[in-house]
C-alpha atoms as a PDB file:
ATOM      1  CA  MET A   1      17.608  10.183  -8.339  1.00  0.00           C
ATOM      2  CA  ASP A   2      14.674  11.516  -6.346  1.00  0.00           C
ATOM      3  CA  GLU A   3      11.375  10.054  -7.549  1.00  0.00           C
ATOM      4  CA  TYR A   4       9.539  13.275  -6.677  1.00  0.00           C
ATOM      5  CA  VAL A   5      10.492  15.287  -9.724  1.00  0.00           C
ATOM      6  CA  THR A   6       8.644  17.371 -12.292  1.00  0.00           C
ATOM      7  CA  PRO A   7       7.569  15.083 -15.128  1.00  0.00           C
ATOM      8  CA  THR A   8      10.016  15.358 -18.022  1.00  0.00           C
ATOM      9  CA  GLY A   9      11.589  13.040 -20.536  1.00  0.00           C
ATOM     10  CA  PRO A  10      10.661  11.176 -23.702  1.00  0.00           C
ATOM     11  CA  GLU A  11       7.466   9.692 -22.219  1.00  0.00           C
ATOM     12  CA  VAL A  12       6.083  13.061 -21.139  1.00  0.00           C
ATOM     13  CA  PRO A  13       4.502  15.437 -23.665  1.00  0.00           C
ATOM     14  CA  ALA A  14       6.230  18.811 -23.919  1.00  0.00           C
ATOM     15  CA  ARG A  15       4.381  21.580 -22.085  1.00  0.00           C
ATOM     16  CA  ASP A  16       3.878  23.570 -25.296  1.00  0.00           C
ATOM     17  CA  MET A  17       2.310  20.497 -26.982  1.00  0.00           C
ATOM     18  CA  VAL A  18      -0.078  20.041 -24.044  1.00  0.00           C
ATOM     19  CA  LEU A  19      -1.143  23.689 -24.398  1.00  0.00           C
ATOM     20  CA  TRP A  20      -1.308  23.627 -28.212  1.00  0.00           C
ATOM     21  CA  ASN A  21      -3.519  20.503 -28.234  1.00  0.00           C
ATOM     22  CA  TRP A  22      -5.711  21.292 -25.213  1.00  0.00           C
ATOM     23  CA  ALA A  23      -8.909  21.660 -27.302  1.00  0.00           C
ATOM     24  CA  ALA A  24      -8.324  18.218 -28.863  1.00  0.00           C
ATOM     25  CA  THR A  25      -7.668  16.760 -25.404  1.00  0.00           C
ATOM     26  CA  VAL A  26     -10.953  18.186 -24.084  1.00  0.00           C
ATOM     27  CA  ASP A  27     -12.784  16.663 -27.075  1.00  0.00           C
ATOM     28  CA  ALA A  28     -11.093  13.263 -26.617  1.00  0.00           C
ATOM     29  CA  LEU A  29     -11.460  13.070 -22.828  1.00  0.00           C
ATOM     30  CA  PRO A  30     -14.794  14.460 -21.619  1.00  0.00           C
ATOM     31  CA  VAL A  31     -15.609  14.089 -17.937  1.00  0.00           C
ATOM     32  CA  GLY A  32     -16.570  10.477 -17.247  1.00  0.00           C
ATOM     33  CA  THR A  33     -14.184   8.964 -19.822  1.00  0.00           C
ATOM     34  CA  ARG A  34     -12.387   5.828 -18.606  1.00  0.00           C
ATOM     35  CA  ILE A  35      -8.626   6.040 -19.077  1.00  0.00           C
ATOM     36  CA  THR A  36      -5.601   3.812 -18.806  1.00  0.00           C
ATOM     37  CA  GLY A  37      -2.129   5.224 -18.540  1.00  0.00           C
ATOM     38  CA  LYS A  38       1.420   4.908 -17.273  1.00  0.00           C
ATOM     39  CA  VAL A  39       2.774   6.689 -14.192  1.00  0.00           C
ATOM     40  CA  VAL A  40       5.505   9.068 -15.410  1.00  0.00           C
ATOM     41  CA  SER A  41       6.048  11.062 -12.216  1.00  0.00           C
ATOM     42  CA  ARG A  42       5.313  10.755  -8.508  1.00  0.00           C
ATOM     43  CA  GLN A  43       4.818  13.732  -6.241  1.00  0.00           C
ATOM     44  CA  PRO A  44       3.934  13.935  -2.558  1.00  0.00           C
ATOM     45  CA  PHE A  45       0.441  15.074  -3.634  1.00  0.00           C
ATOM     46  CA  GLY A  46      -0.203  12.425  -6.344  1.00  0.00           C
ATOM     47  CA  ILE A  47       0.922  11.073  -9.704  1.00  0.00           C
ATOM     48  CA  PHE A  48       1.201  12.266 -13.289  1.00  0.00           C
ATOM     49  CA  ILE A  49      -0.101   9.859 -15.917  1.00  0.00           C
ATOM     50  CA  ARG A  50       0.671   9.537 -19.630  1.00  0.00           C
ATOM     51  CA  ILE A  51      -2.792   8.725 -20.977  1.00  0.00           C
ATOM     52  CA  GLN A  52      -2.980   6.003 -23.619  1.00  0.00           C
ATOM     53  CA  GLY A  53      -4.460   7.087 -26.934  1.00  0.00           C
ATOM     54  CA  VAL A  54      -4.103  10.821 -26.288  1.00  0.00           C
ATOM     55  CA  PRO A  55      -0.414  11.552 -26.871  1.00  0.00           C
ATOM     56  CA  ASP A  56      -0.423  15.209 -25.849  1.00  0.00           C
ATOM     57  CA  ALA A  57      -2.405  14.777 -22.634  1.00  0.00           C
ATOM     58  CA  LEU A  58      -0.979  14.466 -19.159  1.00  0.00           C
ATOM     59  CA  GLY A  59      -3.268  13.303 -16.374  1.00  0.00           C
ATOM     60  CA  LEU A  60      -2.970  14.140 -12.711  1.00  0.00           C
ATOM     61  CA  ALA A  61      -4.371  11.912  -9.973  1.00  0.00           C
ATOM     62  CA  GLU A  62      -4.056  13.573  -6.594  1.00  0.00           C
ATOM     63  CA  ILE A  63      -4.004  11.429  -3.475  1.00  0.00           C
ATOM     64  CA  THR A  64      -7.470  12.768  -2.664  1.00  0.00           C
ATOM     65  CA  ALA A  65      -8.696  11.140  -5.924  1.00  0.00           C
ATOM     66  CA  MET A  66      -7.363   7.681  -5.031  1.00  0.00           C
ATOM     67  CA  PRO A  67      -9.309   4.954  -3.231  1.00  0.00           C
ATOM     68  CA  LEU A  68      -8.967   5.096   0.553  1.00  0.00           C
ATOM     69  CA  GLY A  69      -5.837   3.262   1.630  1.00  0.00           C
ATOM     70  CA  MET A  70      -4.359   3.037  -1.884  1.00  0.00           C
ATOM     71  CA  LYS A  71      -0.603   3.496  -1.950  1.00  0.00           C
ATOM     72  CA  LEU A  72       0.947   5.892  -4.450  1.00  0.00           C
ATOM     73  CA  PRO A  73       1.529   3.798  -7.612  1.00  0.00           C
ATOM     74  CA  ALA A  74       5.159   3.219  -8.624  1.00  0.00           C
ATOM     75  CA  LEU A  75       6.874   4.915 -11.549  1.00  0.00           C
ATOM     76  CA  GLY A  76       6.065   2.971 -14.704  1.00  0.00           C
ATOM     77  CA  ALA A  77       2.946   1.352 -13.231  1.00  0.00           C
ATOM     78  CA  THR A  78      -0.168   1.099 -15.375  1.00  0.00           C
ATOM     79  CA  VAL A  79      -3.219   2.675 -13.762  1.00  0.00           C
ATOM     80  CA  THR A  80      -6.877   3.055 -14.675  1.00  0.00           C
ATOM     81  CA  GLY A  81      -9.473   5.581 -13.705  1.00  0.00           C
ATOM     82  CA  VAL A  82     -12.046   8.113 -14.823  1.00  0.00           C
ATOM     83  CA  VAL A  83     -11.645  11.719 -15.936  1.00  0.00           C
ATOM     84  CA  HIS A  84     -13.398  13.741 -13.245  1.00  0.00           C
ATOM     85  CA  TRP A  85     -12.374  17.290 -14.144  1.00  0.00           C
ATOM     86  CA  LEU A  86     -10.778  19.184 -17.013  1.00  0.00           C
ATOM     87  CA  ASP A  87      -8.800  21.849 -15.201  1.00  0.00           C
ATOM     88  CA  PRO A  88      -8.576  25.169 -17.093  1.00  0.00           C
ATOM     89  CA  ARG A  89      -4.816  25.057 -16.386  1.00  0.00           C
ATOM     90  CA  ASN A  90      -4.602  22.319 -19.062  1.00  0.00           C
ATOM     91  CA  GLN A  91      -4.649  19.354 -16.703  1.00  0.00           C
ATOM     92  CA  VAL A  92      -6.766  16.245 -17.007  1.00  0.00           C
ATOM     93  CA  ARG A  93      -7.729  15.345 -13.454  1.00  0.00           C
ATOM     94  CA  VAL A  94      -8.233  11.620 -12.936  1.00  0.00           C
ATOM     95  CA  ARG A  95      -9.925   9.634 -10.162  1.00  0.00           C
ATOM     96  CA  LEU A  96      -8.105   6.295  -9.927  1.00  0.00           C
ATOM     97  CA  ASP A  97      -9.636   2.838  -9.594  1.00  0.00           C
ATOM     98  CA  GLU A  98      -8.258   0.371  -7.065  1.00  0.00           C
END
């Protein structure tokens, strides 16, 4: 199986749930909030993260929001970072820690 796939499966919130609960996600994760989560998908441009404590949120950390020289975290890895943007397309953008 190719690791660069669209995030789907039991660990990934359904797209309609992400949309339905976007207002609650914005309230729970204002810019500057520290997050911890699990990598549920890898893409050439970054990773998708299932954010702990916010079940219907899916974070995106692009490679440009990773520390210089950091390798793309593996599927299933636990990562930490800070919310740096709440994208109007219902994405929580995350800047990763080392």
